[in-house]
C-alpha atoms as a PDB file:
ATOM      1  CA  MET A   1      -0.007  -0.110   0.046  1.00  0.00           C
ATOM      2  CA  LYS A   2       1.290   3.355  -0.982  1.00  0.00           C
ATOM      3  CA  ASP A   3       1.916   6.085   1.815  1.00  0.00           C
ATOM      4  CA  ALA A   4      -0.184   9.144   1.495  1.00  0.00           C
ATOM      5  CA  PRO A   5       1.503  12.297   0.581  1.00  0.00           C
ATOM      6  CA  ASN A   6       3.067  14.260   3.253  1.00  0.00           C
ATOM      7  CA  SER A   7       2.612  11.433   5.669  1.00  0.00           C
ATOM      8  CA  ASN A   8       6.389  11.900   6.896  1.00  0.00           C
ATOM      9  CA  ARG A   9       5.754  15.560   7.587  1.00  0.00           C
ATOM     10  CA  ASP A  10       2.313  15.946   8.969  1.00  0.00           C
ATOM     11  CA  PRO A  11      -0.129  13.478  10.334  1.00  0.00           C
ATOM     12  CA  LEU A  12      -3.075  15.682   9.089  1.00  0.00           C
ATOM     13  CA  PRO A  13      -4.605  14.727   5.714  1.00  0.00           C
ATOM     14  CA  ASP A  14      -4.166  16.747   2.569  1.00  0.00           C
ATOM     15  CA  ALA A  15      -7.719  17.658   2.540  1.00  0.00           C
ATOM     16  CA  ASP A  16      -7.830  19.513   5.898  1.00  0.00           C
ATOM     17  CA  PRO A  17      -9.655  22.793   5.328  1.00  0.00           C
ATOM     18  CA  ASP A  18      -7.739  24.429   8.335  1.00  0.00           C
ATOM     19  CA  MET A  19      -4.287  24.038   6.812  1.00  0.00           C
ATOM     20  CA  LEU A  20      -2.714  25.926   3.998  1.00  0.00           C
ATOM     21  CA  ARG A  21      -0.277  23.602   2.304  1.00  0.00           C
ATOM     22  CA  THR A  22       2.839  24.747   0.812  1.00  0.00           C
ATOM     23  CA  ASP A  23       3.948  24.074  -2.790  1.00  0.00           C
ATOM     24  CA  PRO A  24       7.608  22.839  -3.050  1.00  0.00           C
ATOM     25  CA  GLN A  25       7.994  25.064  -6.345  1.00  0.00           C
ATOM     26  CA  GLN A  26       6.570  27.958  -4.592  1.00  0.00           C
ATOM     27  CA  ARG A  27       8.784  27.474  -1.444  1.00  0.00           C
ATOM     28  CA  ARG A  28      11.837  27.215  -3.760  1.00  0.00           C
ATOM     29  CA  ASN A  29      10.880  30.553  -5.580  1.00  0.00           C
ATOM     30  CA  VAL A  30      10.281  32.334  -2.400  1.00  0.00           C
ATOM     31  CA  LEU A  31      13.480  30.971  -1.026  1.00  0.00           C
ATOM     32  CA  LEU A  32      15.379  32.050  -4.035  1.00  0.00           C
ATOM     33  CA  LEU A  33      13.823  35.558  -3.919  1.00  0.00           C
ATOM     34  CA  ILE A  34      14.855  35.926  -0.162  1.00  0.00           C
ATOM     35  CA  GLY A  35      18.295  34.881  -1.073  1.00  0.00           C
ATOM     36  CA  ALA A  36      18.482  37.402  -4.031  1.00  0.00           C
ATOM     37  CA  MET A  37      17.297  40.147  -1.886  1.00  0.00           C
ATOM     38  CA  ALA A  38      19.785  39.290   0.862  1.00  0.00           C
ATOM     39  CA  ALA A  39      22.577  39.246  -1.751  1.00  0.00           C
ATOM     40  CA  GLY A  40      21.307  42.686  -3.038  1.00  0.00           C
ATOM     41  CA  VAL A  41      21.431  43.975   0.488  1.00  0.00           C
ATOM     42  CA  LEU A  42      24.995  42.795   0.900  1.00  0.00           C
ATOM     43  CA  LEU A  43      26.052  44.263  -2.333  1.00  0.00           C
ATOM     44  CA  LEU A  44      24.319  47.626  -1.590  1.00  0.00           C
ATOM     45  CA  TRP A  45      26.117  47.607   2.105  1.00  0.00           C
ATOM     46  CA  ALA A  46      29.427  46.750   0.297  1.00  0.00           C
ATOM     47  CA  PHE A  47      29.416  49.163  -2.664  1.00  0.00           C
ATOM     48  CA  GLY A  48      26.390  51.381  -2.185  1.00  0.00           C
ATOM     49  CA  LEU A  49      27.200  52.888   1.167  1.00  0.00           C
ATOM     50  CA  PRO A  50      30.741  53.997   0.247  1.00  0.00           C
ATOM     51  CA  ALA A  51      29.367  55.686  -3.100  1.00  0.00           C
ATOM     52  CA  LEU A  52      26.636  57.368  -1.010  1.00  0.00           C
ATOM     53  CA  ARG A  53      29.350  58.711   1.286  1.00  0.00           C
ATOM     54  CA  ARG A  54      31.316  60.141  -1.786  1.00  0.00           C
ATOM     55  CA  TRP A  55      28.119  61.395  -3.315  1.00  0.00           C
ATOM     56  CA  THR A  56      27.073  63.326  -0.148  1.00  0.00           C
ATOM     57  CA  ASP A  57      30.704  64.368   0.798  1.00  0.00           C
ATOM     58  CA  VAL A  58      30.894  67.752  -1.049  1.00  0.00           C
ATOM     59  CA  SER A  59      32.164  71.105  -0.005  1.00  0.00           C
ATOM     60  CA  ASP A  60      29.227  73.214  -0.905  1.00  0.00           C
ATOM     61  CA  PRO A  61      26.827  73.037   2.116  1.00  0.00           C
ATOM     62  CA  ALA A  62      23.679  73.688   0.048  1.00  0.00           C
ATOM     63  CA  LEU A  63      24.382  70.860  -2.435  1.00  0.00           C
ATOM     64  CA  MET A  64      25.314  68.548   0.298  1.00  0.00           C
ATOM     65  CA  ILE A  65      22.020  69.409   2.278  1.00  0.00           C
ATOM     66  CA  HIS A  66      20.063  68.816  -1.093  1.00  0.00           C
ATOM     67  CA  ARG A  67      21.719  65.564  -1.634  1.00  0.00           C
ATOM     68  CA  VAL A  68      21.020  64.250   1.950  1.00  0.00           C
ATOM     69  CA  ASP A  69      17.363  65.434   1.441  1.00  0.00           C
ATOM     70  CA  THR A  70      17.300  63.391  -1.662  1.00  0.00           C
ATOM     71  CA  VAL A  71      18.584  60.305   0.141  1.00  0.00           C
ATOM     72  CA  PHE A  72      15.913  60.736   2.896  1.00  0.00           C
ATOM     73  CA  TYR A  73      13.187  61.514   0.420  1.00  0.00           C
ATOM     74  CA  TRP A  74      13.763  58.111  -1.321  1.00  0.00           C
ATOM     75  CA  LEU A  75      14.077  56.342   1.951  1.00  0.00           C
ATOM     76  CA  SER A  76      10.569  57.563   2.850  1.00  0.00           C
ATOM     77  CA  VAL A  77       9.151  56.538  -0.407  1.00  0.00           C
ATOM     78  CA  MET A  78      10.308  52.929   0.158  1.00  0.00           C
ATOM     79  CA  LEU A  79       8.583  53.159   3.723  1.00  0.00           C
ATOM     80  CA  TYR A  80       5.514  54.525   2.299  1.00  0.00           C
ATOM     81  CA  ALA A  81       5.465  51.555  -0.317  1.00  0.00           C
ATOM     82  CA  GLY A  82       5.915  49.181   2.465  1.00  0.00           C
ATOM     83  CA  ALA A  83       3.126  50.683   4.465  1.00  0.00           C
ATOM     84  CA  GLY A  84       0.906  50.556   1.288  1.00  0.00           C
ATOM     85  CA  TYR A  85       1.517  46.786   0.889  1.00  0.00           C
ATOM     86  CA  ALA A  86       0.888  46.184   4.551  1.00  0.00           C
ATOM     87  CA  GLY A  87      -2.497  48.048   4.522  1.00  0.00           C
ATOM     88  CA  TRP A  88      -3.342  46.023   1.241  1.00  0.00           C
ATOM     89  CA  TYR A  89      -2.554  42.847   2.941  1.00  0.00           C
ATOM     90  CA  ALA A  90      -4.629  43.761   5.981  1.00  0.00           C
ATOM     91  CA  VAL A  91      -7.649  44.568   3.723  1.00  0.00           C
ATOM     92  CA  ARG A  92      -7.313  41.149   2.162  1.00  0.00           C
ATOM     93  CA  ILE A  93      -7.329  39.649   5.726  1.00  0.00           C
ATOM     94  CA  PHE A  94     -10.500  41.541   6.663  1.00  0.00           C
ATOM     95  CA  ARG A  95     -12.322  40.751   3.577  1.00  0.00           C
ATOM     96  CA  SER A  96     -11.687  37.256   3.646  1.00  0.00           C
ATOM     97  CA  SER A  97     -11.797  36.952   7.489  1.00  0.00           C
ATOM     98  CA  GLN A  98      -9.029  34.517   6.913  1.00  0.00           C
ATOM     99  CA  PHE A  99      -5.348  34.546   7.775  1.00  0.00           C
ATOM    100  CA  PRO A 100      -3.224  33.945   5.787  1.00  0.00           C
ATOM    101  CA  PRO A 101      -5.664  35.422   3.182  1.00  0.00           C
ATOM    102  CA  PRO A 102      -6.577  33.325   0.066  1.00  0.00           C
ATOM    103  CA  GLY A 103      -3.786  33.225  -2.609  1.00  0.00           C
ATOM    104  CA  SER A 104      -1.050  33.795  -0.044  1.00  0.00           C
ATOM    105  CA  TRP A 105       2.202  32.046  -0.359  1.00  0.00           C
ATOM    106  CA  VAL A 106       3.598  30.109   2.701  1.00  0.00           C
ATOM    107  CA  LEU A 107       7.001  28.767   3.318  1.00  0.00           C
ATOM    108  CA  ARG A 108       5.731  25.794   5.607  1.00  0.00           C
ATOM    109  CA  ASP A 109       2.173  24.240   5.994  1.00  0.00           C
ATOM    110  CA  THR A 110       0.258  27.028   8.048  1.00  0.00           C
ATOM    111  CA  ARG A 111      -2.766  26.487  10.198  1.00  0.00           C
ATOM    112  CA  LEU A 112      -5.478  28.807   8.817  1.00  0.00           C
ATOM    113  CA  LEU A 113      -7.093  31.443  11.161  1.00  0.00           C
ATOM    114  CA  ARG A 114     -10.653  32.347  10.560  1.00  0.00           C
ATOM    115  CA  GLY A 115     -13.031  34.921  12.144  1.00  0.00           C
ATOM    116  CA  ASP A 116     -12.074  37.001  15.048  1.00  0.00           C
ATOM    117  CA  PRO A 117      -8.369  35.542  15.417  1.00  0.00           C
ATOM    118  CA  ALA A 118      -7.715  36.234  11.852  1.00  0.00           C
ATOM    119  CA  ARG A 119      -9.082  39.734  12.236  1.00  0.00           C
ATOM    120  CA  ALA A 120      -6.733  40.123  15.161  1.00  0.00           C
ATOM    121  CA  ARG A 121      -3.799  39.446  12.890  1.00  0.00           C
ATOM    122  CA  GLY A 122      -5.225  41.881  10.562  1.00  0.00           C
ATOM    123  CA  LEU A 123      -5.192  44.540  13.197  1.00  0.00           C
ATOM    124  CA  LEU A 124      -1.525  43.764  13.924  1.00  0.00           C
ATOM    125  CA  VAL A 125      -0.732  44.272  10.272  1.00  0.00           C
ATOM    126  CA  ILE A 126      -2.476  47.621  10.266  1.00  0.00           C
ATOM    127  CA  ALA A 127      -0.597  48.573  13.443  1.00  0.00           C
ATOM    128  CA  CYS A 128       2.502  47.757  11.355  1.00  0.00           C
ATOM    129  CA  ALA A 129       1.375  49.825   8.378  1.00  0.00           C
ATOM    130  CA  ILE A 130       0.491  52.767  10.648  1.00  0.00           C
ATOM    131  CA  SER A 131       3.996  52.488  12.174  1.00  0.00           C
ATOM    132  CA  LEU A 132       5.550  52.417   8.844  1.00  0.00           C
ATOM    133  CA  VAL A 133       3.660  55.678   7.829  1.00  0.00           C
ATOM    134  CA  LEU A 134       4.782  57.332  11.037  1.00  0.00           C
ATOM    135  CA  LEU A 135       8.454  56.374  10.456  1.00  0.00           C
ATOM    136  CA  ALA A 136       8.230  57.610   6.823  1.00  0.00           C
ATOM    137  CA  ALA A 137       6.776  60.791   7.986  1.00  0.00           C
ATOM    138  CA  TYR A 138       9.632  61.194  10.373  1.00  0.00           C
ATOM    139  CA  VAL A 139      12.232  60.340   7.867  1.00  0.00           C
ATOM    140  CA  THR A 140      10.628  62.913   5.528  1.00  0.00           C
ATOM    141  CA  ILE A 141      10.916  65.811   8.114  1.00  0.00           C
ATOM    142  CA  LEU A 142      14.103  64.592   9.612  1.00  0.00           C
ATOM    143  CA  PRO A 143      16.486  66.380   7.197  1.00  0.00           C
ATOM    144  CA  SER A 144      14.812  69.820   7.801  1.00  0.00           C
ATOM    145  CA  MET A 145      15.174  69.209  11.591  1.00  0.00           C
ATOM    146  CA  LEU A 146      18.950  68.518  11.278  1.00  0.00           C
ATOM    147  CA  LYS A 147      19.819  71.547   8.980  1.00  0.00           C
ATOM    148  CA  PRO A 148      21.712  74.367  10.622  1.00  0.00           C
ATOM    149  CA  PRO A 149      19.713  77.523  11.074  1.00  0.00           C
ATOM    150  CA  HIS A 150      21.865  79.779   8.952  1.00  0.00           C
ATOM    151  CA  VAL A 151      22.166  77.125   5.883  1.00  0.00           C
ATOM    152  CA  HIS A 152      18.323  76.393   5.945  1.00  0.00           C
ATOM    153  CA  HIS A 153      17.341  79.979   5.809  1.00  0.00           C
ATOM    154  CA  ARG A 154      19.803  81.104   3.389  1.00  0.00           C
ATOM    155  CA  PHE A 155      19.266  78.358   0.927  1.00  0.00           C
ATOM    156  CA  ALA A 156      15.470  77.795   1.448  1.00  0.00           C
ATOM    157  CA  GLY A 157      13.882  77.664  -1.826  1.00  0.00           C
ATOM    158  CA  ALA A 158      16.917  77.588  -3.899  1.00  0.00           C
ATOM    159  CA  ALA A 159      16.785  75.524  -7.044  1.00  0.00           C
ATOM    160  CA  LEU A 160      19.666  73.063  -6.863  1.00  0.00           C
ATOM    161  CA  HIS A 161      20.648  70.701  -9.659  1.00  0.00           C
ATOM    162  CA  VAL A 162      22.555  67.484  -8.959  1.00  0.00           C
END
């Protein structure tokens, strides 16, 4: 008699409606994506930070402030994008009353939460999204808080080109 699929990993049958099964191909793709992102972060750390330091290390204070503002602007854009994704994911959780929502990728077999427990997870995701929005807003205004008063007033409104 042939063993049932996944019998060595999980005693629950494949037809269990409270389990979200992982697809081995999907798991491989997600792990490859995570590996590529980690490699990208390492490359950015090794080569991007020194280039960023050289780019912002200029003798003209107004140009330096403009470049630092540009870096903080793009950092806040990435944080707002993360907040938008978290908000979208929370909406999917609330609409389906299920966590993880239908169509989600999972790295391992995951027990589904339905009803109030799922909505509680959705609230946590909303809290993360709000935290990202607040952090992005802080990152947006941080450069203006760090500017020396004499440079800030002297060059406020000056059109600087990189």
